[in-house]
C-alpha atoms as a PDB file:
ATOM      1  CA  UNK A   1     -19.924  -5.789  -7.933  1.00  0.00           C
ATOM      2  CA  UNK A   2     -23.008  -3.626  -7.941  1.00  0.00           C
ATOM      3  CA  UNK A   3     -22.904   0.147  -8.021  1.00  0.00           C
ATOM      4  CA  UNK A   4     -23.905   0.686  -4.379  1.00  0.00           C
ATOM      5  CA  UNK A   5     -21.132  -1.602  -3.173  1.00  0.00           C
ATOM      6  CA  UNK A   6     -18.593   0.167  -5.395  1.00  0.00           C
ATOM      7  CA  UNK A   7     -19.663   3.523  -3.996  1.00  0.00           C
ATOM      8  CA  UNK A   8     -19.327   2.296  -0.395  1.00  0.00           C
ATOM      9  CA  UNK A   9     -15.906   0.742  -1.039  1.00  0.00           C
ATOM     10  CA  UNK A  10     -14.697   3.864  -2.854  1.00  0.00           C
ATOM     11  CA  UNK A  11     -15.962   6.084  -0.053  1.00  0.00           C
ATOM     12  CA  UNK A  12     -14.139   3.932   2.499  1.00  0.00           C
ATOM     13  CA  UNK A  13     -10.994   4.034   0.385  1.00  0.00           C
ATOM     14  CA  UNK A  14     -11.180   7.818   0.219  1.00  0.00           C
ATOM     15  CA  UNK A  15     -11.590   8.058   4.007  1.00  0.00           C
ATOM     16  CA  UNK A  16      -8.491   5.849   4.411  1.00  0.00           C
ATOM     17  CA  UNK A  17      -6.511   8.018   1.974  1.00  0.00           C
ATOM     18  CA  UNK A  18      -7.680  11.149   3.811  1.00  0.00           C
ATOM     19  CA  UNK A  19      -6.526   9.675   7.134  1.00  0.00           C
ATOM     20  CA  UNK A  20      -3.174   8.637   5.604  1.00  0.00           C
ATOM     21  CA  UNK A  21      -2.580  12.107   4.180  1.00  0.00           C
ATOM     22  CA  UNK A  22      -3.569  13.708   7.491  1.00  0.00           C
ATOM     23  CA  UNK A  23      -1.154  11.491   9.467  1.00  0.00           C
ATOM     24  CA  UNK A  24       1.641  12.274   7.009  1.00  0.00           C
ATOM     25  CA  UNK A  25       0.784  15.974   7.279  1.00  0.00           C
ATOM     26  CA  UNK A  26       1.082  15.780  11.064  1.00  0.00           C
ATOM     27  CA  UNK A  27       4.413  14.000  10.652  1.00  0.00           C
ATOM     28  CA  UNK A  28       5.644  16.733   8.333  1.00  0.00           C
ATOM     29  CA  UNK A  29       4.544  19.692  10.422  1.00  0.00           C
ATOM     30  CA  UNK A  30       3.789  19.173  14.110  1.00  0.00           C
ATOM     31  CA  UNK A  31       5.565  15.866  14.800  1.00  0.00           C
ATOM     32  CA  UNK A  32       8.497  16.383  12.444  1.00  0.00           C
ATOM     33  CA  UNK A  33      10.951  14.148  14.311  1.00  0.00           C
ATOM     34  CA  UNK A  34       8.456  11.276  14.340  1.00  0.00           C
ATOM     35  CA  UNK A  35       7.572  11.768  10.679  1.00  0.00           C
ATOM     36  CA  UNK A  36      11.206  11.933   9.622  1.00  0.00           C
ATOM     37  CA  UNK A  37      12.052   8.806  11.635  1.00  0.00           C
ATOM     38  CA  UNK A  38       9.125   6.954  10.069  1.00  0.00           C
ATOM     39  CA  UNK A  39      10.644   7.399   6.615  1.00  0.00           C
ATOM     40  CA  UNK A  40      14.301   7.241   7.654  1.00  0.00           C
ATOM     41  CA  UNK A  41      14.948  10.945   7.122  1.00  0.00           C
ATOM     42  CA  UNK A  42      16.181  11.842  10.624  1.00  0.00           C
ATOM     43  CA  UNK A  43      19.311  13.478   9.245  1.00  0.00           C
ATOM     44  CA  UNK A  44      17.257  15.798   7.040  1.00  0.00           C
ATOM     45  CA  UNK A  45      14.922  16.896   9.830  1.00  0.00           C
ATOM     46  CA  UNK A  46      17.765  18.452  11.824  1.00  0.00           C
ATOM     47  CA  UNK A  47      18.420  21.102   9.176  1.00  0.00           C
ATOM     48  CA  UNK A  48      16.418  24.329   9.436  1.00  0.00           C
ATOM     49  CA  UNK A  49      16.067  24.476   5.651  1.00  0.00           C
ATOM     50  CA  UNK A  50      14.750  20.900   5.518  1.00  0.00           C
ATOM     51  CA  UNK A  51      12.274  21.657   8.282  1.00  0.00           C
ATOM     52  CA  UNK A  52      10.851  24.493   6.180  1.00  0.00           C
ATOM     53  CA  UNK A  53      10.520  22.174   3.180  1.00  0.00           C
ATOM     54  CA  UNK A  54       8.859  19.504   5.327  1.00  0.00           C
ATOM     55  CA  UNK A  55       6.383  22.093   6.645  1.00  0.00           C
ATOM     56  CA  UNK A  56       5.502  23.217   3.118  1.00  0.00           C
ATOM     57  CA  UNK A  57       5.003  19.596   2.063  1.00  0.00           C
ATOM     58  CA  UNK A  58       2.848  19.047   5.154  1.00  0.00           C
ATOM     59  CA  UNK A  59       0.595  21.960   4.240  1.00  0.00           C
ATOM     60  CA  UNK A  60      -0.025  20.360   0.849  1.00  0.00           C
ATOM     61  CA  UNK A  61      -0.851  17.084   2.595  1.00  0.00           C
ATOM     62  CA  UNK A  62      -3.420  18.850   4.796  1.00  0.00           C
ATOM     63  CA  UNK A  63      -5.084  20.212   1.648  1.00  0.00           C
ATOM     64  CA  UNK A  64      -5.099  16.740   0.074  1.00  0.00           C
ATOM     65  CA  UNK A  65      -6.539  15.217   3.255  1.00  0.00           C
ATOM     66  CA  UNK A  66      -9.389  17.732   3.232  1.00  0.00           C
ATOM     67  CA  UNK A  67     -10.012  17.175  -0.499  1.00  0.00           C
ATOM     68  CA  UNK A  68     -10.111  13.396  -0.004  1.00  0.00           C
ATOM     69  CA  UNK A  69     -12.496  13.775   2.944  1.00  0.00           C
ATOM     70  CA  UNK A  70     -14.781  15.953   0.806  1.00  0.00           C
ATOM     71  CA  UNK A  71     -14.744  13.340  -1.957  1.00  0.00           C
ATOM     72  CA  UNK A  72     -15.471  10.595   0.595  1.00  0.00           C
ATOM     73  CA  UNK A  73     -18.649  12.335   1.744  1.00  0.00           C
ATOM     74  CA  UNK A  74     -20.263  11.865  -1.697  1.00  0.00           C
ATOM     75  CA  UNK A  75     -18.147  10.042  -4.272  1.00  0.00           C
ATOM     76  CA  UNK A  76     -20.877  10.298  -6.900  1.00  0.00           C
ATOM     77  CA  UNK A  77     -21.202  14.070  -6.596  1.00  0.00           C
ATOM     78  CA  UNK A  78     -17.432  14.607  -6.452  1.00  0.00           C
ATOM     79  CA  UNK A  79     -16.400  11.923  -8.944  1.00  0.00           C
ATOM     80  CA  UNK A  80     -14.472  14.396 -11.100  1.00  0.00           C
ATOM     81  CA  UNK A  81     -12.340  15.272  -8.082  1.00  0.00           C
ATOM     82  CA  UNK A  82     -10.968  11.706  -8.153  1.00  0.00           C
ATOM     83  CA  UNK A  83      -8.473  13.073 -10.673  1.00  0.00           C
ATOM     84  CA  UNK A  84      -6.761  14.749  -7.703  1.00  0.00           C
ATOM     85  CA  UNK A  85      -5.853  11.279  -6.415  1.00  0.00           C
ATOM     86  CA  UNK A  86      -4.590  10.165  -9.826  1.00  0.00           C
ATOM     87  CA  UNK A  87      -2.448  13.287 -10.228  1.00  0.00           C
ATOM     88  CA  UNK A  88      -1.055  12.882  -6.712  1.00  0.00           C
ATOM     89  CA  UNK A  89      -0.116   9.253  -7.417  1.00  0.00           C
ATOM     90  CA  UNK A  90       1.589  10.125 -10.718  1.00  0.00           C
ATOM     91  CA  UNK A  91       3.477  13.076  -9.228  1.00  0.00           C
ATOM     92  CA  UNK A  92       4.388  10.934  -6.223  1.00  0.00           C
ATOM     93  CA  UNK A  93       5.706   8.181  -8.493  1.00  0.00           C
ATOM     94  CA  UNK A  94       7.868  10.608 -10.446  1.00  0.00           C
ATOM     95  CA  UNK A  95       9.118  12.378  -7.324  1.00  0.00           C
ATOM     96  CA  UNK A  96       9.902   9.099  -5.551  1.00  0.00           C
ATOM     97  CA  UNK A  97      11.860   7.833  -8.535  1.00  0.00           C
ATOM     98  CA  UNK A  98      13.835  11.070  -8.799  1.00  0.00           C
ATOM     99  CA  UNK A  99      14.602  11.034  -5.059  1.00  0.00           C
ATOM    100  CA  UNK A 100      15.884   7.442  -5.195  1.00  0.00           C
ATOM    101  CA  UNK A 101      17.941   8.229  -8.286  1.00  0.00           C
ATOM    102  CA  UNK A 102      19.430  11.315  -6.624  1.00  0.00           C
ATOM    103  CA  UNK A 103      20.296   9.369  -3.483  1.00  0.00           C
ATOM    104  CA  UNK A 104      21.589   6.158  -5.080  1.00  0.00           C
ATOM    105  CA  UNK A 105      22.345   7.123  -8.704  1.00  0.00           C
ATOM    106  CA  UNK A 106      20.541   3.928  -9.757  1.00  0.00           C
ATOM    107  CA  UNK A 107      17.160   2.416  -9.046  1.00  0.00           C
ATOM    108  CA  UNK A 108      16.745  -1.328  -8.745  1.00  0.00           C
ATOM    109  CA  UNK A 109      13.669  -3.160  -9.966  1.00  0.00           C
ATOM    110  CA  UNK A 110      12.759  -3.974  -6.374  1.00  0.00           C
ATOM    111  CA  UNK A 111      12.960  -0.291  -5.363  1.00  0.00           C
ATOM    112  CA  UNK A 112      10.950   0.673  -8.417  1.00  0.00           C
ATOM    113  CA  UNK A 113       8.287  -1.952  -7.657  1.00  0.00           C
ATOM    114  CA  UNK A 114       8.175  -1.077  -3.965  1.00  0.00           C
ATOM    115  CA  UNK A 115       7.561   2.579  -4.763  1.00  0.00           C
ATOM    116  CA  UNK A 116       5.165   2.209  -7.669  1.00  0.00           C
ATOM    117  CA  UNK A 117       3.066  -0.886  -6.911  1.00  0.00           C
ATOM    118  CA  UNK A 118       0.889   0.761  -4.205  1.00  0.00           C
ATOM    119  CA  UNK A 119       0.379   3.787  -6.444  1.00  0.00           C
ATOM    120  CA  UNK A 120      -0.625   1.611  -9.401  1.00  0.00           C
ATOM    121  CA  UNK A 121      -3.029  -0.342  -7.189  1.00  0.00           C
ATOM    122  CA  UNK A 122      -4.677   2.861  -5.952  1.00  0.00           C
ATOM    123  CA  UNK A 123      -5.146   4.185  -9.503  1.00  0.00           C
ATOM    124  CA  UNK A 124      -6.489   0.808 -10.693  1.00  0.00           C
ATOM    125  CA  UNK A 125      -8.963   0.687  -7.797  1.00  0.00           C
ATOM    126  CA  UNK A 126     -10.127   4.209  -8.593  1.00  0.00           C
ATOM    127  CA  UNK A 127     -10.705   3.201 -12.200  1.00  0.00           C
ATOM    128  CA  UNK A 128     -12.612   0.066 -11.231  1.00  0.00           C
ATOM    129  CA  UNK A 129     -14.644   1.655  -8.415  1.00  0.00           C
ATOM    130  CA  UNK A 130     -15.530   4.972 -10.052  1.00  0.00           C
ATOM    131  CA  UNK A 131     -19.297   5.517  -9.960  1.00  0.00           C
ATOM    132  CA  UNK A 132     -19.606   6.129 -13.703  1.00  0.00           C
ATOM    133  CA  UNK A 133     -17.997   2.757 -14.542  1.00  0.00           C
ATOM    134  CA  UNK A 134     -20.404   0.330 -16.134  1.00  0.00           C
ATOM    135  CA  UNK A 135     -21.211  -2.553 -13.794  1.00  0.00           C
ATOM    136  CA  UNK A 136     -23.783  -4.101 -16.108  1.00  0.00           C
ATOM    137  CA  UNK A 137     -22.347  -7.598 -16.484  1.00  0.00           C
ATOM    138  CA  UNK A 138     -25.625  -9.511 -16.397  1.00  0.00           C
ATOM    139  CA  UNK A 139     -26.886  -8.268 -19.759  1.00  0.00           C
ATOM    140  CA  UNK A 140     -29.649  -6.299 -18.066  1.00  0.00           C
ATOM    141  CA  UNK A 141     -30.650  -2.941 -19.501  1.00  0.00           C
ATOM    142  CA  UNK A 142     -29.099   0.062 -17.828  1.00  0.00           C
ATOM    143  CA  UNK A 143     -31.573   2.447 -16.182  1.00  0.00           C
ATOM    144  CA  UNK A 144     -32.217   5.657 -18.071  1.00  0.00           C
ATOM    145  CA  UNK A 145     -30.331   8.703 -16.865  1.00  0.00           C
ATOM    146  CA  UNK A 146     -32.495  11.459 -15.425  1.00  0.00           C
END
């Protein structure tokens, strides 16, 4: 895959992640009942304390959505900001595992795979699509950096 194609795919991926984070932010703040129902947390949304936690989480998701949209505008210029996505995926993986363990006291391999496979795919795609990754597979000389 040539560099221009990687950049376009990565930019599209970042726009999708920005949209996903924005929808989750809306579901955690403005449309709390809908967001809680989407993830099966209706019982938690009824508590005033949980609503406050959901709102705080939603604010973080708004920030992530904006950061991802900024990255999507120029993935070459903001390549170092891709680490935000990696950190979010790692923290999300740890948090998801802890939440399942707290709720069920055990995590099955299927639960573990269901939670972590999308996150691993996103990180792998970021690694493969990053603009600084060498795409010189034809044995052609790389252009000189300016």
